[in-house]
């Protein structure tokens, strides 16, 4: 995915991104007067993608973060709109977590219609914090274990 590669620089030795895919339909409440998805709803669709990635890799799920008394707020969000979605469109949300040595989460997304037409490309950056909002500078053990499994190819 060249879009994210230009933002998330990767070294040749970095592990490949972790990918999750999920499908959902556009609901009537998500379209505007023109019959297309209101642009602000796409942020919610990105969250659907992150939930799917957490389902596939439970160490990064919202439930695990809650258990560890941590959060991962979005500090950067970028969306490039390509083609509109309309009511009842089936969309495929593809979410990729990109490797970084920094203690953050670099996600890229593609949302496509069932016919393969690209609706959006996006990326987010999230930092790990405690529940009071203090940014973590040293990775917790469970994050280091996850990163080690990823780096050694145990996660695919």
C-alpha atoms as a PDB file:
ATOM      1  CA  UNK A   1       0.000   0.000   0.000  1.00  0.00           C
ATOM      2  CA  UNK A   2       2.045   2.941  -1.297  1.00  0.00           C
ATOM      3  CA  UNK A   3      -0.134   5.522   0.460  1.00  0.00           C
ATOM      4  CA  UNK A   4       0.887   4.456   3.960  1.00  0.00           C
ATOM      5  CA  UNK A   5       4.416   3.501   2.950  1.00  0.00           C
ATOM      6  CA  UNK A   6       5.052   7.145   2.096  1.00  0.00           C
ATOM      7  CA  UNK A   7       4.027   8.147   5.614  1.00  0.00           C
ATOM      8  CA  UNK A   8       5.177   5.120   7.609  1.00  0.00           C
ATOM      9  CA  UNK A   9       8.742   4.583   6.464  1.00  0.00           C
ATOM     10  CA  UNK A  10       9.841   0.982   6.758  1.00  0.00           C
ATOM     11  CA  UNK A  11      13.241  -0.611   6.891  1.00  0.00           C
ATOM     12  CA  UNK A  12      13.871  -3.784   4.849  1.00  0.00           C
ATOM     13  CA  UNK A  13      14.289  -5.749   8.088  1.00  0.00           C
ATOM     14  CA  UNK A  14      10.956  -4.606   9.566  1.00  0.00           C
ATOM     15  CA  UNK A  15       8.274  -7.273   9.883  1.00  0.00           C
ATOM     16  CA  UNK A  16       5.397  -7.104   7.442  1.00  0.00           C
ATOM     17  CA  UNK A  17       2.247  -5.349   8.537  1.00  0.00           C
ATOM     18  CA  UNK A  18      -0.500  -7.160  10.408  1.00  0.00           C
ATOM     19  CA  UNK A  19      -3.751  -7.126   8.429  1.00  0.00           C
ATOM     20  CA  UNK A  20      -7.394  -7.602   9.326  1.00  0.00           C
ATOM     21  CA  UNK A  21     -10.394  -7.379   7.028  1.00  0.00           C
ATOM     22  CA  UNK A  22     -14.018  -6.911   7.923  1.00  0.00           C
ATOM     23  CA  UNK A  23     -17.224  -6.251   6.012  1.00  0.00           C
ATOM     24  CA  UNK A  24     -20.251  -4.166   6.898  1.00  0.00           C
ATOM     25  CA  UNK A  25     -23.168  -2.465   5.199  1.00  0.00           C
ATOM     26  CA  UNK A  26     -23.865   1.243   5.076  1.00  0.00           C
ATOM     27  CA  UNK A  27     -26.851   1.967   7.282  1.00  0.00           C
ATOM     28  CA  UNK A  28     -29.575   4.460   6.368  1.00  0.00           C
ATOM     29  CA  UNK A  29     -28.653   6.682   9.318  1.00  0.00           C
ATOM     30  CA  UNK A  30     -25.139   7.114   7.869  1.00  0.00           C
ATOM     31  CA  UNK A  31     -26.184   8.839   4.635  1.00  0.00           C
ATOM     32  CA  UNK A  32     -26.870  12.528   4.155  1.00  0.00           C
ATOM     33  CA  UNK A  33     -29.461  14.403   2.083  1.00  0.00           C
ATOM     34  CA  UNK A  34     -27.548  13.558  -1.083  1.00  0.00           C
ATOM     35  CA  UNK A  35     -27.804   9.830  -0.307  1.00  0.00           C
ATOM     36  CA  UNK A  36     -24.075   9.392   0.273  1.00  0.00           C
ATOM     37  CA  UNK A  37     -22.233   8.552   3.485  1.00  0.00           C
ATOM     38  CA  UNK A  38     -21.554  11.712   5.472  1.00  0.00           C
ATOM     39  CA  UNK A  39     -17.771  12.188   5.587  1.00  0.00           C
ATOM     40  CA  UNK A  40     -17.595  12.114   9.412  1.00  0.00           C
ATOM     41  CA  UNK A  41     -18.899   8.549   9.563  1.00  0.00           C
ATOM     42  CA  UNK A  42     -15.734   7.221   7.944  1.00  0.00           C
ATOM     43  CA  UNK A  43     -13.881   7.725  11.234  1.00  0.00           C
ATOM     44  CA  UNK A  44     -16.302   5.236  12.810  1.00  0.00           C
ATOM     45  CA  UNK A  45     -15.626   2.788   9.966  1.00  0.00           C
ATOM     46  CA  UNK A  46     -11.901   3.012  10.772  1.00  0.00           C
ATOM     47  CA  UNK A  47     -12.755   2.036  14.331  1.00  0.00           C
ATOM     48  CA  UNK A  48     -14.571  -1.031  12.949  1.00  0.00           C
ATOM     49  CA  UNK A  49     -11.281  -1.934  11.281  1.00  0.00           C
ATOM     50  CA  UNK A  50      -9.282  -1.522  14.485  1.00  0.00           C
ATOM     51  CA  UNK A  51     -11.798  -3.680  16.369  1.00  0.00           C
ATOM     52  CA  UNK A  52     -11.399  -6.378  13.688  1.00  0.00           C
ATOM     53  CA  UNK A  53      -7.614  -6.202  14.096  1.00  0.00           C
ATOM     54  CA  UNK A  54      -8.029  -6.543  17.880  1.00  0.00           C
ATOM     55  CA  UNK A  55     -10.264  -9.569  17.293  1.00  0.00           C
ATOM     56  CA  UNK A  56      -7.554 -11.125  15.125  1.00  0.00           C
ATOM     57  CA  UNK A  57      -4.720 -10.130  17.484  1.00  0.00           C
ATOM     58  CA  UNK A  58      -6.262 -10.052  20.994  1.00  0.00           C
ATOM     59  CA  UNK A  59      -3.142  -8.536  22.568  1.00  0.00           C
ATOM     60  CA  UNK A  60      -4.159  -5.267  20.884  1.00  0.00           C
ATOM     61  CA  UNK A  61      -7.881  -5.424  21.586  1.00  0.00           C
ATOM     62  CA  UNK A  62      -9.782  -2.726  23.430  1.00  0.00           C
ATOM     63  CA  UNK A  63     -10.592  -5.333  26.101  1.00  0.00           C
ATOM     64  CA  UNK A  64      -6.881  -5.997  26.682  1.00  0.00           C
ATOM     65  CA  UNK A  65      -6.112  -2.294  26.933  1.00  0.00           C
ATOM     66  CA  UNK A  66      -8.904  -1.869  29.454  1.00  0.00           C
ATOM     67  CA  UNK A  67      -7.562  -4.848  31.420  1.00  0.00           C
ATOM     68  CA  UNK A  68      -4.083  -3.271  31.411  1.00  0.00           C
ATOM     69  CA  UNK A  69      -5.539   0.138  32.384  1.00  0.00           C
ATOM     70  CA  UNK A  70      -4.203   1.743  29.235  1.00  0.00           C
ATOM     71  CA  UNK A  71      -5.581   3.711  26.334  1.00  0.00           C
ATOM     72  CA  UNK A  72      -4.374   4.429  22.813  1.00  0.00           C
ATOM     73  CA  UNK A  73      -5.867   7.759  21.729  1.00  0.00           C
ATOM     74  CA  UNK A  74      -5.570   8.895  18.136  1.00  0.00           C
ATOM     75  CA  UNK A  75      -3.123  11.770  17.790  1.00  0.00           C
ATOM     76  CA  UNK A  76      -3.136  11.940  14.003  1.00  0.00           C
ATOM     77  CA  UNK A  77      -5.828  11.152  11.434  1.00  0.00           C
ATOM     78  CA  UNK A  78      -5.754  11.517   7.664  1.00  0.00           C
ATOM     79  CA  UNK A  79      -8.415  10.484   5.137  1.00  0.00           C
ATOM     80  CA  UNK A  80      -8.302  10.706   1.344  1.00  0.00           C
ATOM     81  CA  UNK A  81     -11.781  10.327  -0.145  1.00  0.00           C
ATOM     82  CA  UNK A  82     -11.883   8.524  -3.488  1.00  0.00           C
ATOM     83  CA  UNK A  83     -15.521   7.604  -4.218  1.00  0.00           C
ATOM     84  CA  UNK A  84     -18.680   7.859  -2.120  1.00  0.00           C
ATOM     85  CA  UNK A  85     -20.449   5.012  -0.399  1.00  0.00           C
ATOM     86  CA  UNK A  86     -24.256   4.992  -0.498  1.00  0.00           C
ATOM     87  CA  UNK A  87     -27.015   3.375   1.548  1.00  0.00           C
ATOM     88  CA  UNK A  88     -26.812  -0.423   1.632  1.00  0.00           C
ATOM     89  CA  UNK A  89     -23.380  -0.579  -0.005  1.00  0.00           C
ATOM     90  CA  UNK A  90     -21.377  -3.509   1.293  1.00  0.00           C
ATOM     91  CA  UNK A  91     -17.928  -2.230   2.245  1.00  0.00           C
ATOM     92  CA  UNK A  92     -14.686  -4.062   2.885  1.00  0.00           C
ATOM     93  CA  UNK A  93     -12.510  -2.433   5.527  1.00  0.00           C
ATOM     94  CA  UNK A  94      -8.870  -3.490   5.345  1.00  0.00           C
ATOM     95  CA  UNK A  95      -6.757  -2.401   8.305  1.00  0.00           C
ATOM     96  CA  UNK A  96      -2.975  -2.740   8.458  1.00  0.00           C
ATOM     97  CA  UNK A  97      -0.832  -2.204  11.539  1.00  0.00           C
ATOM     98  CA  UNK A  98       2.640  -1.114  10.426  1.00  0.00           C
ATOM     99  CA  UNK A  99       5.789  -1.938  12.376  1.00  0.00           C
ATOM    100  CA  UNK A 100       7.528   0.865  14.242  1.00  0.00           C
ATOM    101  CA  UNK A 101      10.248   0.830  16.858  1.00  0.00           C
ATOM    102  CA  UNK A 102       8.442   3.708  18.581  1.00  0.00           C
ATOM    103  CA  UNK A 103       5.812   3.038  21.234  1.00  0.00           C
ATOM    104  CA  UNK A 104       2.814   3.872  19.072  1.00  0.00           C
ATOM    105  CA  UNK A 105       0.351   2.292  16.676  1.00  0.00           C
ATOM    106  CA  UNK A 106       0.595   3.193  12.980  1.00  0.00           C
ATOM    107  CA  UNK A 107      -2.526   2.035  11.133  1.00  0.00           C
ATOM    108  CA  UNK A 108      -3.427   2.394   7.471  1.00  0.00           C
ATOM    109  CA  UNK A 109      -6.841   1.627   6.023  1.00  0.00           C
ATOM    110  CA  UNK A 110      -8.543   1.031   2.728  1.00  0.00           C
ATOM    111  CA  UNK A 111     -12.299   0.931   2.445  1.00  0.00           C
ATOM    112  CA  UNK A 112     -13.671  -0.474  -0.800  1.00  0.00           C
ATOM    113  CA  UNK A 113     -17.117  -1.159  -2.158  1.00  0.00           C
ATOM    114  CA  UNK A 114     -18.171  -4.718  -2.977  1.00  0.00           C
ATOM    115  CA  UNK A 115     -17.385  -4.040  -6.658  1.00  0.00           C
ATOM    116  CA  UNK A 116     -13.783  -3.283  -5.673  1.00  0.00           C
ATOM    117  CA  UNK A 117     -14.026   0.490  -6.154  1.00  0.00           C
ATOM    118  CA  UNK A 118     -11.904   2.299  -3.578  1.00  0.00           C
ATOM    119  CA  UNK A 119     -13.897   4.627  -1.292  1.00  0.00           C
ATOM    120  CA  UNK A 120     -11.137   5.930   0.992  1.00  0.00           C
ATOM    121  CA  UNK A 121      -7.510   5.535   1.984  1.00  0.00           C
ATOM    122  CA  UNK A 122      -6.605   6.648   5.497  1.00  0.00           C
ATOM    123  CA  UNK A 123      -4.101   6.408   8.299  1.00  0.00           C
ATOM    124  CA  UNK A 124      -4.066   7.017  12.028  1.00  0.00           C
ATOM    125  CA  UNK A 125      -1.341   7.282  14.636  1.00  0.00           C
ATOM    126  CA  UNK A 126      -2.112   6.344  18.246  1.00  0.00           C
ATOM    127  CA  UNK A 127       0.013   6.723  21.351  1.00  0.00           C
ATOM    128  CA  UNK A 128      -0.159   4.529  24.431  1.00  0.00           C
ATOM    129  CA  UNK A 129      -1.220   6.351  27.591  1.00  0.00           C
ATOM    130  CA  UNK A 130      -2.297   5.521  31.090  1.00  0.00           C
ATOM    131  CA  UNK A 131      -5.940   6.210  31.954  1.00  0.00           C
ATOM    132  CA  UNK A 132      -5.064   9.735  33.107  1.00  0.00           C
ATOM    133  CA  UNK A 133      -3.640  10.565  29.668  1.00  0.00           C
ATOM    134  CA  UNK A 134       0.076  10.417  30.469  1.00  0.00           C
ATOM    135  CA  UNK A 135       2.011   9.147  27.436  1.00  0.00           C
ATOM    136  CA  UNK A 136       3.941   5.934  28.102  1.00  0.00           C
ATOM    137  CA  UNK A 137       7.593   6.105  27.130  1.00  0.00           C
ATOM    138  CA  UNK A 138       8.591   2.599  28.218  1.00  0.00           C
ATOM    139  CA  UNK A 139       6.629  -0.313  26.748  1.00  0.00           C
ATOM    140  CA  UNK A 140       4.783  -2.557  29.200  1.00  0.00           C
ATOM    141  CA  UNK A 141       5.836  -6.201  29.255  1.00  0.00           C
ATOM    142  CA  UNK A 142       2.717  -7.396  27.386  1.00  0.00           C
ATOM    143  CA  UNK A 143       3.392  -4.953  24.527  1.00  0.00           C
ATOM    144  CA  UNK A 144       7.032  -6.052  24.335  1.00  0.00           C
ATOM    145  CA  UNK A 145       5.925  -9.701  24.210  1.00  0.00           C
ATOM    146  CA  UNK A 146       3.501  -8.907  21.377  1.00  0.00           C
ATOM    147  CA  UNK A 147       6.169  -6.991  19.458  1.00  0.00           C
ATOM    148  CA  UNK A 148       8.661  -9.855  19.910  1.00  0.00           C
ATOM    149  CA  UNK A 149       6.132 -12.367  18.550  1.00  0.00           C
ATOM    150  CA  UNK A 150       5.464 -10.076  15.596  1.00  0.00           C
ATOM    151  CA  UNK A 151       9.151  -9.474  14.882  1.00  0.00           C
ATOM    152  CA  UNK A 152       9.967 -13.208  14.960  1.00  0.00           C
ATOM    153  CA  UNK A 153       7.154 -14.045  12.536  1.00  0.00           C
ATOM    154  CA  UNK A 154       4.867 -15.754  15.061  1.00  0.00           C
ATOM    155  CA  UNK A 155       1.989 -13.437  14.082  1.00  0.00           C
ATOM    156  CA  UNK A 156       0.598 -13.552  10.563  1.00  0.00           C
END
